[in-house]
PDB file of N, CA and C in Angstrom:
ATOM      1  N   MET A   1     109.491  -5.932  91.168  1.00  0.00           N
ATOM      2  CA  MET A   1     108.406  -6.712  91.579  1.00  0.00           C
ATOM      3  C   MET A   1     107.687  -5.132  91.646  1.00  0.00           C
ATOM      4  N   LYS A   2     105.841  -5.419  90.872  1.00  0.00           N
ATOM      5  CA  LYS A   2     104.610  -3.756  91.264  1.00  0.00           C
ATOM      6  C   LYS A   2     105.024  -4.318  92.151  1.00  0.00           C
ATOM      7  N   LYS A   3     104.348  -3.061  92.484  1.00  0.00           N
ATOM      8  CA  LYS A   3     103.697  -3.015  94.179  1.00  0.00           C
ATOM      9  C   LYS A   3     102.113  -3.078  94.040  1.00  0.00           C
ATOM     10  N   SER A   4     101.573  -4.099  94.765  1.00  0.00           N
ATOM     11  CA  SER A   4      99.702  -4.293  94.448  1.00  0.00           C
ATOM     12  C   SER A   4      98.943  -3.120  94.879  1.00  0.00           C
ATOM     13  N   LYS A   5      97.748  -3.060  94.459  1.00  0.00           N
ATOM     14  CA  LYS A   5      96.539  -1.968  95.499  1.00  0.00           C
ATOM     15  C   LYS A   5      96.462  -3.304  96.250  1.00  0.00           C
ATOM     16  N   VAL A   6      96.087  -2.531  96.869  1.00  0.00           N
ATOM     17  CA  VAL A   6      95.073  -2.917  98.014  1.00  0.00           C
ATOM     18  C   VAL A   6      93.715  -2.722  97.573  1.00  0.00           C
ATOM     19  N   THR A   7      92.927  -4.367  97.573  1.00  0.00           N
ATOM     20  CA  THR A   7      91.675  -3.641  97.036  1.00  0.00           C
ATOM     21  C   THR A   7      90.702  -4.069  98.759  1.00  0.00           C
ATOM     22  N   THR A   8      89.943  -3.644  99.087  1.00  0.00           N
ATOM     23  CA  THR A   8      88.605  -3.834  99.681  1.00  0.00           C
ATOM     24  C   THR A   8      87.498  -4.220  99.340  1.00  0.00           C
ATOM     25  N   ILE A   9      86.628  -5.009 100.342  1.00  0.00           N
ATOM     26  CA  ILE A   9      85.520  -5.902  99.876  1.00  0.00           C
ATOM     27  C   ILE A   9      84.270  -5.363 101.015  1.00  0.00           C
ATOM     28  N   ASP A  10      83.766  -4.266 100.806  1.00  0.00           N
ATOM     29  CA  ASP A  10      83.169  -4.224 102.132  1.00  0.00           C
ATOM     30  C   ASP A  10      81.610  -5.159 102.406  1.00  0.00           C
ATOM     31  N   PRO A  11      81.227  -6.151 103.659  1.00  0.00           N
ATOM     32  CA  PRO A  11      79.260  -6.222 102.963  1.00  0.00           C
ATOM     33  C   PRO A  11      78.659  -5.090 103.010  1.00  0.00           C
ATOM     34  N   ASN A  12      77.542  -5.324 102.748  1.00  0.00           N
ATOM     35  CA  ASN A  12      76.634  -4.155 103.222  1.00  0.00           C
ATOM     36  C   ASN A  12      75.719  -4.588 103.635  1.00  0.00           C
ATOM     37  N   TRP A  13      74.771  -4.823 104.829  1.00  0.00           N
ATOM     38  CA  TRP A  13      73.789  -5.145 106.133  1.00  0.00           C
ATOM     39  C   TRP A  13      72.541  -4.172 105.720  1.00  0.00           C
ATOM     40  N   LYS A  14      71.235  -5.041 105.530  1.00  0.00           N
ATOM     41  CA  LYS A  14      69.980  -4.707 105.354  1.00  0.00           C
ATOM     42  C   LYS A  14      69.534  -5.459 106.276  1.00  0.00           C
ATOM     43  N   ILE A  15      68.072  -4.532 107.058  1.00  0.00           N
ATOM     44  CA  ILE A  15      67.597  -5.469 108.125  1.00  0.00           C
ATOM     45  C   ILE A  15      65.747  -4.395 107.550  1.00  0.00           C
ATOM     46  N   GLY A  16      65.175  -5.583 107.922  1.00  0.00           N
ATOM     47  CA  GLY A  16      63.854  -5.759 106.697  1.00  0.00           C
ATOM     48  C   GLY A  16      62.922  -5.771 107.776  1.00  0.00           C
ATOM     49  N   SER A  17      61.467  -6.018 107.029  1.00  0.00           N
ATOM     50  CA  SER A  17      60.612  -6.560 108.113  1.00  0.00           C
ATOM     51  C   SER A  17      59.693  -6.918 107.059  1.00  0.00           C
ATOM     52  N   ASN A  18      59.443  -8.435 107.561  1.00  0.00           N
ATOM     53  CA  ASN A  18      58.170  -9.113 106.462  1.00  0.00           C
ATOM     54  C   ASN A  18      56.843  -9.871 107.315  1.00  0.00           C
ATOM     55  N   SER A  19      55.943 -10.745 106.732  1.00  0.00           N
ATOM     56  CA  SER A  19      55.350 -11.127 107.481  1.00  0.00           C
ATOM     57  C   SER A  19      55.341 -12.371 108.923  1.00  0.00           C
ATOM     58  N   GLU A  20      56.367 -13.020 108.287  1.00  0.00           N
ATOM     59  CA  GLU A  20      57.666 -13.574 109.869  1.00  0.00           C
ATOM     60  C   GLU A  20      58.271 -12.914 111.101  1.00  0.00           C
ATOM     61  N   GLY A  21      57.800 -11.109 110.361  1.00  0.00           N
ATOM     62  CA  GLY A  21      58.382 -10.220 111.989  1.00  0.00           C
ATOM     63  C   GLY A  21      60.467 -10.018 110.622  1.00  0.00           C
ATOM     64  N   LEU A  22      61.533  -9.274 111.643  1.00  0.00           N
ATOM     65  CA  LEU A  22      62.289  -8.721 111.343  1.00  0.00           C
ATOM     66  C   LEU A  22      63.398  -9.651 110.875  1.00  0.00           C
ATOM     67  N   PHE A  23      64.254  -9.455 109.461  1.00  0.00           N
ATOM     68  CA  PHE A  23      65.736 -10.337 109.116  1.00  0.00           C
ATOM     69  C   PHE A  23      65.923  -9.646 109.079  1.00  0.00           C
ATOM     70  N   TRP A  24      67.836  -9.398 107.891  1.00  0.00           N
ATOM     71  CA  TRP A  24      68.496  -9.566 108.448  1.00  0.00           C
ATOM     72  C   TRP A  24      69.132  -9.568 106.595  1.00  0.00           C
ATOM     73  N   LYS A  25      69.883  -9.177 105.563  1.00  0.00           N
ATOM     74  CA  LYS A  25      70.170  -9.877 104.463  1.00  0.00           C
ATOM     75  C   LYS A  25      72.022  -9.248 104.918  1.00  0.00           C
ATOM     76  N   GLU A  26      72.793 -10.129 104.472  1.00  0.00           N
ATOM     77  CA  GLU A  26      74.345  -9.454 103.723  1.00  0.00           C
ATOM     78  C   GLU A  26      74.115  -9.504 102.588  1.00  0.00           C
ATOM     79  N   GLU A  27      74.913  -8.338 101.520  1.00  0.00           N
ATOM     80  CA  GLU A  27      74.876  -8.786 100.505  1.00  0.00           C
ATOM     81  C   GLU A  27      76.376  -7.930 100.288  1.00  0.00           C
ATOM     82  N   GLN A  28      76.990  -8.602  99.774  1.00  0.00           N
ATOM     83  CA  GLN A  28      78.957  -8.386  98.872  1.00  0.00           C
ATOM     84  C   GLN A  28      78.903  -8.104  97.652  1.00  0.00           C
ATOM     85  N   LYS A  29      78.988  -7.306  96.877  1.00  0.00           N
ATOM     86  CA  LYS A  29      79.458  -7.022  95.571  1.00  0.00           C
ATOM     87  C   LYS A  29      80.320  -6.981  95.230  1.00  0.00           C
ATOM     88  N   ILE A  30      81.391  -8.956  94.559  1.00  0.00           N
ATOM     89  CA  ILE A  30      82.049  -8.337  93.972  1.00  0.00           C
ATOM     90  C   ILE A  30      82.353  -8.568  92.952  1.00  0.00           C
ATOM     91  N   THR A  31      83.372  -6.705  93.197  1.00  0.00           N
ATOM     92  CA  THR A  31      84.365  -5.961  91.822  1.00  0.00           C
ATOM     93  C   THR A  31      85.537  -6.839  90.469  1.00  0.00           C
ATOM     94  N   ASP A  32      84.807  -6.031  89.436  1.00  0.00           N
ATOM     95  CA  ASP A  32      86.171  -7.112  87.984  1.00  0.00           C
ATOM     96  C   ASP A  32      87.129  -6.515  88.399  1.00  0.00           C
ATOM     97  N   GLU A  33      87.044  -5.107  89.203  1.00  0.00           N
ATOM     98  CA  GLU A  33      88.710  -4.700  89.778  1.00  0.00           C
ATOM     99  C   GLU A  33      88.643  -5.912  90.880  1.00  0.00           C
ATOM    100  N   PHE A  34      88.377  -6.308  91.704  1.00  0.00           N
ATOM    101  CA  PHE A  34      88.475  -7.581  92.974  1.00  0.00           C
ATOM    102  C   PHE A  34      89.250  -8.845  92.396  1.00  0.00           C
ATOM    103  N   LEU A  35      88.401  -9.258  91.384  1.00  0.00           N
ATOM    104  CA  LEU A  35      89.155 -10.330  90.788  1.00  0.00           C
ATOM    105  C   LEU A  35      90.214 -10.083  89.302  1.00  0.00           C
ATOM    106  N   ASN A  36      90.191  -8.999  88.992  1.00  0.00           N
ATOM    107  CA  ASN A  36      91.607  -8.748  88.020  1.00  0.00           C
ATOM    108  C   ASN A  36      92.539  -8.284  89.374  1.00  0.00           C
ATOM    109  N   SER A  37      93.027  -7.989  90.640  1.00  0.00           N
ATOM    110  CA  SER A  37      93.425  -8.150  91.142  1.00  0.00           C
ATOM    111  C   SER A  37      93.802  -9.712  91.996  1.00  0.00           C
ATOM    112  N   THR A  38      93.237 -10.355  92.229  1.00  0.00           N
ATOM    113  CA  THR A  38      93.283 -11.785  92.423  1.00  0.00           C
ATOM    114  C   THR A  38      93.831 -12.483  91.473  1.00  0.00           C
ATOM    115  N   HIS A  39      93.238 -12.378  90.183  1.00  0.00           N
ATOM    116  CA  HIS A  39      94.450 -13.595  88.867  1.00  0.00           C
ATOM    117  C   HIS A  39      95.318 -12.261  88.777  1.00  0.00           C
ATOM    118  N   GLU A  40      95.814 -10.826  88.642  1.00  0.00           N
ATOM    119  CA  GLU A  40      97.152 -10.849  88.828  1.00  0.00           C
ATOM    120  C   GLU A  40      98.485 -11.950  89.472  1.00  0.00           C
ATOM    121  N   LYS A  41      97.378 -11.530  91.115  1.00  0.00           N
ATOM    122  CA  LYS A  41      98.649 -11.497  91.844  1.00  0.00           C
ATOM    123  C   LYS A  41      98.957 -13.209  91.869  1.00  0.00           C
ATOM    124  N   ARG A  42      97.739 -14.495  90.742  1.00  0.00           N
ATOM    125  CA  ARG A  42      97.719 -15.440  90.689  1.00  0.00           C
ATOM    126  C   ARG A  42      98.354 -15.629  89.995  1.00  0.00           C
ATOM    127  N   VAL A  43      99.132 -14.835  88.692  1.00  0.00           N
ATOM    128  CA  VAL A  43      99.696 -14.985  88.000  1.00  0.00           C
ATOM    129  C   VAL A  43     101.288 -14.887  88.052  1.00  0.00           C
ATOM    130  N   ASN A  44     101.651 -13.560  88.694  1.00  0.00           N
ATOM    131  CA  ASN A  44     102.882 -13.586  89.418  1.00  0.00           C
ATOM    132  C   ASN A  44     103.352 -14.266  90.854  1.00  0.00           C
ATOM    133  N   SER A  45     102.261 -15.223  91.052  1.00  0.00           N
ATOM    134  CA  SER A  45     103.689 -15.713  92.033  1.00  0.00           C
ATOM    135  C   SER A  45     103.681 -16.971  91.966  1.00  0.00           C
ATOM    136  N   ALA A  46     103.784 -17.537  90.728  1.00  0.00           N
ATOM    137  CA  ALA A  46     104.892 -18.098  90.074  1.00  0.00           C
ATOM    138  C   ALA A  46     106.523 -17.406  89.611  1.00  0.00           C
ATOM    139  N   GLN A  47     106.920 -16.195  90.291  1.00  0.00           N
ATOM    140  CA  GLN A  47     108.440 -15.290  89.831  1.00  0.00           C
ATOM    141  C   GLN A  47     108.029 -14.801  91.058  1.00  0.00           C
ATOM    142  N   ASN A  48     107.917 -15.189  92.250  1.00  0.00           N
ATOM    143  CA  ASN A  48     107.861 -15.105  93.380  1.00  0.00           C
ATOM    144  C   ASN A  48     107.835 -15.900  94.600  1.00  0.00           C
ATOM    145  N   LYS A  49     109.476 -15.458  95.463  1.00  0.00           N
ATOM    146  CA  LYS A  49     109.615 -16.732  96.218  1.00  0.00           C
ATOM    147  C   LYS A  49     108.646 -16.530  97.385  1.00  0.00           C
ATOM    148  N   ALA A  50     107.934 -17.766  98.232  1.00  0.00           N
ATOM    149  CA  ALA A  50     107.205 -17.279  98.873  1.00  0.00           C
ATOM    150  C   ALA A  50     107.830 -17.161 100.803  1.00  0.00           C
ATOM    151  N   ASN A  51     109.345 -18.096 100.176  1.00  0.00           N
ATOM    152  CA  ASN A  51     110.045 -17.147 102.042  1.00  0.00           C
ATOM    153  C   ASN A  51     109.410 -18.102 103.198  1.00  0.00           C
ATOM    154  N   ASN A  52     109.053 -17.409 104.259  1.00  0.00           N
ATOM    155  CA  ASN A  52     108.454 -17.541 105.870  1.00  0.00           C
ATOM    156  C   ASN A  52     106.658 -17.112 105.378  1.00  0.00           C
ATOM    157  N   TRP A  53     106.457 -15.710 104.946  1.00  0.00           N
ATOM    158  CA  TRP A  53     104.728 -15.829 104.096  1.00  0.00           C
ATOM    159  C   TRP A  53     104.333 -15.892 102.545  1.00  0.00           C
ATOM    160  N   HIS A  54     103.370 -16.435 102.651  1.00  0.00           N
ATOM    161  CA  HIS A  54     102.685 -16.788 100.905  1.00  0.00           C
ATOM    162  C   HIS A  54     101.109 -16.139 100.960  1.00  0.00           C
ATOM    163  N   GLN A  55     100.513 -15.255 100.534  1.00  0.00           N
ATOM    164  CA  GLN A  55      99.118 -15.544 100.830  1.00  0.00           C
ATOM    165  C   GLN A  55      98.795 -16.462  99.861  1.00  0.00           C
ATOM    166  N   ILE A  56      97.745 -17.147  99.644  1.00  0.00           N
ATOM    167  CA  ILE A  56      97.236 -18.150  99.038  1.00  0.00           C
ATOM    168  C   ILE A  56      96.098 -17.176  98.553  1.00  0.00           C
ATOM    169  N   ALA A  57      94.716 -16.290  98.815  1.00  0.00           N
ATOM    170  CA  ALA A  57      93.973 -15.974  98.823  1.00  0.00           C
ATOM    171  C   ALA A  57      93.250 -14.713  99.240  1.00  0.00           C
ATOM    172  N   ASP A  58      92.504 -14.306  98.519  1.00  0.00           N
ATOM    173  CA  ASP A  58      91.612 -13.079  98.878  1.00  0.00           C
ATOM    174  C   ASP A  58      90.280 -13.671  98.656  1.00  0.00           C
ATOM    175  N   ILE A  59      89.400 -13.792  99.941  1.00  0.00           N
ATOM    176  CA  ILE A  59      88.612 -14.718 100.441  1.00  0.00           C
ATOM    177  C   ILE A  59      87.238 -13.791 100.414  1.00  0.00           C
ATOM    178  N   PRO A  60      85.929 -13.280 100.093  1.00  0.00           N
ATOM    179  CA  PRO A  60      85.283 -12.130 100.903  1.00  0.00           C
ATOM    180  C   PRO A  60      85.183 -12.467 101.857  1.00  0.00           C
ATOM    181  N   ILE A  61      84.824 -10.804 103.131  1.00  0.00           N
ATOM    182  CA  ILE A  61      84.030 -11.976 104.001  1.00  0.00           C
ATOM    183  C   ILE A  61      82.465 -12.404 103.713  1.00  0.00           C
ATOM    184  N   SER A  62      81.804 -13.232 102.939  1.00  0.00           N
ATOM    185  CA  SER A  62      80.506 -12.841 102.819  1.00  0.00           C
ATOM    186  C   SER A  62      80.746 -14.507 102.670  1.00  0.00           C
ATOM    187  N   VAL A  63      82.205 -14.785 101.959  1.00  0.00           N
ATOM    188  CA  VAL A  63      82.492 -16.513 102.291  1.00  0.00           C
ATOM    189  C   VAL A  63      82.158 -16.890 103.084  1.00  0.00           C
ATOM    190  N   ILE A  64      83.533 -16.040 104.260  1.00  0.00           N
ATOM    191  CA  ILE A  64      83.941 -16.317 104.927  1.00  0.00           C
ATOM    192  C   ILE A  64      82.651 -17.284 105.804  1.00  0.00           C
ATOM    193  N   ASP A  65      81.873 -16.222 105.895  1.00  0.00           N
ATOM    194  CA  ASP A  65      80.702 -16.628 107.153  1.00  0.00           C
ATOM    195  C   ASP A  65      80.040 -17.478 106.723  1.00  0.00           C
ATOM    196  N   GLN A  66      79.854 -17.476 105.369  1.00  0.00           N
ATOM    197  CA  GLN A  66      79.195 -18.852 104.605  1.00  0.00           C
ATOM    198  C   GLN A  66      79.523 -20.079 105.233  1.00  0.00           C
ATOM    199  N   TRP A  67      80.987 -20.217 105.243  1.00  0.00           N
ATOM    200  CA  TRP A  67      81.664 -21.676 105.727  1.00  0.00           C
ATOM    201  C   TRP A  67      81.754 -21.901 107.280  1.00  0.00           C
ATOM    202  N   LYS A  68      81.868 -20.212 107.788  1.00  0.00           N
ATOM    203  CA  LYS A  68      81.403 -20.524 109.311  1.00  0.00           C
ATOM    204  C   LYS A  68      80.251 -20.857 109.359  1.00  0.00           C
ATOM    205  N   ARG A  69      79.159 -21.132 108.688  1.00  0.00           N
ATOM    206  CA  ARG A  69      77.593 -21.263 109.314  1.00  0.00           C
ATOM    207  C   ARG A  69      77.865 -22.871 109.226  1.00  0.00           C
ATOM    208  N   GLU A  70      78.578 -23.486 108.351  1.00  0.00           N
ATOM    209  CA  GLU A  70      78.225 -24.575 106.934  1.00  0.00           C
ATOM    210  C   GLU A  70      79.164 -26.023 108.393  1.00  0.00           C
ATOM    211  N   GLY A  71      79.926 -24.082 109.043  1.00  0.00           N
ATOM    212  CA  GLY A  71      81.342 -25.238 109.952  1.00  0.00           C
ATOM    213  C   GLY A  71      82.356 -25.157 109.781  1.00  0.00           C
ATOM    214  N   PHE A  72      82.813 -24.707 108.928  1.00  0.00           N
ATOM    215  CA  PHE A  72      84.058 -24.072 108.283  1.00  0.00           C
ATOM    216  C   PHE A  72      85.043 -22.923 108.784  1.00  0.00           C
ATOM    217  N   ASP A  73      86.013 -22.943 109.998  1.00  0.00           N
ATOM    218  CA  ASP A  73      85.674 -21.954 109.744  1.00  0.00           C
ATOM    219  C   ASP A  73      87.911 -21.276 110.146  1.00  0.00           C
ATOM    220  N   ILE A  74      87.866 -21.377 108.397  1.00  0.00           N
ATOM    221  CA  ILE A  74      88.948 -20.851 107.914  1.00  0.00           C
ATOM    222  C   ILE A  74      90.542 -20.255 109.099  1.00  0.00           C
ATOM    223  N   PHE A  75      89.726 -19.764 110.295  1.00  0.00           N
ATOM    224  CA  PHE A  75      90.541 -19.260 111.139  1.00  0.00           C
ATOM    225  C   PHE A  75      90.742 -19.582 112.789  1.00  0.00           C
ATOM    226  N   ASP A  76      90.638 -21.354 112.158  1.00  0.00           N
ATOM    227  CA  ASP A  76      90.653 -21.807 113.426  1.00  0.00           C
ATOM    228  C   ASP A  76      92.245 -22.531 113.206  1.00  0.00           C
ATOM    229  N   PRO A  77      92.711 -22.755 113.915  1.00  0.00           N
ATOM    230  CA  PRO A  77      94.170 -23.336 114.366  1.00  0.00           C
ATOM    231  C   PRO A  77      94.629 -24.840 113.185  1.00  0.00           C
ATOM    232  N   ASN A  78      93.593 -25.366 113.617  1.00  0.00           N
ATOM    233  CA  ASN A  78      93.708 -26.399 112.895  1.00  0.00           C
ATOM    234  C   ASN A  78      93.429 -26.720 111.585  1.00  0.00           C
ATOM    235  N   VAL A  79      92.792 -26.020 111.022  1.00  0.00           N
ATOM    236  CA  VAL A  79      92.520 -25.813 109.672  1.00  0.00           C
ATOM    237  C   VAL A  79      93.409 -25.259 108.981  1.00  0.00           C
ATOM    238  N   LYS A  80      94.174 -26.338 107.656  1.00  0.00           N
ATOM    239  CA  LYS A  80      94.968 -26.262 106.812  1.00  0.00           C
ATOM    240  C   LYS A  80      94.293 -25.040 105.513  1.00  0.00           C
ATOM    241  N   ALA A  81      95.976 -24.697 104.707  1.00  0.00           N
ATOM    242  CA  ALA A  81      96.194 -23.964 103.548  1.00  0.00           C
ATOM    243  C   ALA A  81      95.048 -25.104 102.896  1.00  0.00           C
ATOM    244  N   SER A  82      95.995 -25.816 102.757  1.00  0.00           N
ATOM    245  CA  SER A  82      95.836 -27.051 101.530  1.00  0.00           C
ATOM    246  C   SER A  82      93.901 -26.822 101.839  1.00  0.00           C
ATOM    247  N   GLU A  83      93.257 -27.243 102.849  1.00  0.00           N
ATOM    248  CA  GLU A  83      91.821 -26.958 103.261  1.00  0.00           C
ATOM    249  C   GLU A  83      90.805 -25.967 102.089  1.00  0.00           C
ATOM    250  N   ILE A  84      91.563 -24.888 102.289  1.00  0.00           N
ATOM    251  CA  ILE A  84      90.616 -23.553 102.816  1.00  0.00           C
ATOM    252  C   ILE A  84      91.439 -24.102 100.362  1.00  0.00           C
ATOM    253  N   VAL A  85      92.417 -24.451 100.402  1.00  0.00           N
ATOM    254  CA  VAL A  85      92.572 -24.235  98.639  1.00  0.00           C
ATOM    255  C   VAL A  85      91.478 -25.004  98.103  1.00  0.00           C
ATOM    256  N   LYS A  86      91.215 -26.800  98.451  1.00  0.00           N
ATOM    257  CA  LYS A  86      90.091 -27.872  97.779  1.00  0.00           C
ATOM    258  C   LYS A  86      89.011 -26.951  98.111  1.00  0.00           C
ATOM    259  N   ARG A  87      88.772 -26.252  99.746  1.00  0.00           N
ATOM    260  CA  ARG A  87      87.932 -25.373  99.697  1.00  0.00           C
ATOM    261  C   ARG A  87      86.786 -24.977  98.342  1.00  0.00           C
ATOM    262  N   LEU A  88      88.018 -24.149  97.367  1.00  0.00           N
ATOM    263  CA  LEU A  88      87.429 -23.003  96.560  1.00  0.00           C
ATOM    264  C   LEU A  88      87.070 -23.867  96.084  1.00  0.00           C
ATOM    265  N   LYS A  89      88.379 -24.755  95.325  1.00  0.00           N
ATOM    266  CA  LYS A  89      88.766 -24.924  94.070  1.00  0.00           C
ATOM    267  C   LYS A  89      87.640 -26.285  93.722  1.00  0.00           C
ATOM    268  N   ASN A  90      86.870 -26.629  95.255  1.00  0.00           N
ATOM    269  CA  ASN A  90      85.409 -27.336  95.019  1.00  0.00           C
ATOM    270  C   ASN A  90      84.239 -26.954  94.989  1.00  0.00           C
ATOM    271  N   SER A  91      83.860 -25.691  94.947  1.00  0.00           N
ATOM    272  CA  SER A  91      82.913 -24.574  95.285  1.00  0.00           C
ATOM    273  C   SER A  91      82.662 -24.284  93.781  1.00  0.00           C
ATOM    274  N   GLY A  92      83.767 -24.428  93.260  1.00  0.00           N
ATOM    275  CA  GLY A  92      83.948 -23.504  91.976  1.00  0.00           C
ATOM    276  C   GLY A  92      84.103 -21.728  92.333  1.00  0.00           C
ATOM    277  N   GLN A  93      85.027 -21.664  92.987  1.00  0.00           N
ATOM    278  CA  GLN A  93      85.706 -20.010  93.475  1.00  0.00           C
ATOM    279  C   GLN A  93      86.773 -20.241  94.091  1.00  0.00           C
ATOM    280  N   HIS A  94      87.378 -20.854  92.859  1.00  0.00           N
ATOM    281  CA  HIS A  94      89.157 -21.316  92.924  1.00  0.00           C
ATOM    282  C   HIS A  94      89.494 -19.277  91.750  1.00  0.00           C
ATOM    283  N   TYR A  95      88.341 -18.682  91.343  1.00  0.00           N
ATOM    284  CA  TYR A  95      89.269 -17.047  91.182  1.00  0.00           C
ATOM    285  C   TYR A  95      89.495 -16.348  92.132  1.00  0.00           C
ATOM    286  N   PHE A  96      89.098 -16.780  93.343  1.00  0.00           N
ATOM    287  CA  PHE A  96      89.509 -15.958  95.104  1.00  0.00           C
ATOM    288  C   PHE A  96      90.776 -16.629  95.626  1.00  0.00           C
ATOM    289  N   LEU A  97      92.070 -17.751  94.905  1.00  0.00           N
ATOM    290  CA  LEU A  97      93.200 -17.856  95.319  1.00  0.00           C
ATOM    291  C   LEU A  97      94.224 -17.088  94.763  1.00  0.00           C
ATOM    292  N   THR A  98      94.740 -17.238  94.876  1.00  0.00           N
ATOM    293  CA  THR A  98      95.595 -15.810  95.159  1.00  0.00           C
ATOM    294  C   THR A  98      97.593 -16.629  94.351  1.00  0.00           C
ATOM    295  N   THR A  99      97.307 -17.854  93.806  1.00  0.00           N
ATOM    296  CA  THR A  99      98.505 -18.031  94.362  1.00  0.00           C
ATOM    297  C   THR A  99      98.454 -19.467  92.842  1.00  0.00           C
ATOM    298  N   GLU A 100      99.451 -19.589  92.252  1.00  0.00           N
ATOM    299  CA  GLU A 100      99.078 -21.501  91.645  1.00  0.00           C
ATOM    300  C   GLU A 100     100.096 -22.410  91.945  1.00  0.00           C
ATOM    301  N   LYS A 101     101.145 -21.892  93.041  1.00  0.00           N
ATOM    302  CA  LYS A 101     101.775 -22.444  93.718  1.00  0.00           C
ATOM    303  C   LYS A 101     101.527 -24.265  94.718  1.00  0.00           C
ATOM    304  N   ARG A 102     101.728 -25.088  94.049  1.00  0.00           N
ATOM    305  CA  ARG A 102     101.243 -26.164  94.927  1.00  0.00           C
ATOM    306  C   ARG A 102     101.211 -26.058  97.059  1.00  0.00           C
ATOM    307  N   ILE A 103     100.235 -25.881  97.552  1.00  0.00           N
ATOM    308  CA  ILE A 103     100.020 -25.877  98.710  1.00  0.00           C
ATOM    309  C   ILE A 103      99.520 -26.519  99.330  1.00  0.00           C
TER     310      ILE A 103
END
């Protein structure tokens, strides 16, 4: 099995001001390298046994933060992996999935 390269994407925070006052803006660049990495993991997932732990997605922190603002916290122990997968697929963000297996 090929060892995966760890790819992280750090968000950038910008603070500015306008006529309404101070504001902050979060930006996060989703690189081709990151998307290629998730695609490779997804393709290879069919050949790997899940055992007790199985990665289902690489979700950028900016997406997690947006979901939390919308009331969906993936770190809540009551949130099921299948709910995360469904949300990614329904929002057109399926490219963050790292498995083709049914969850």
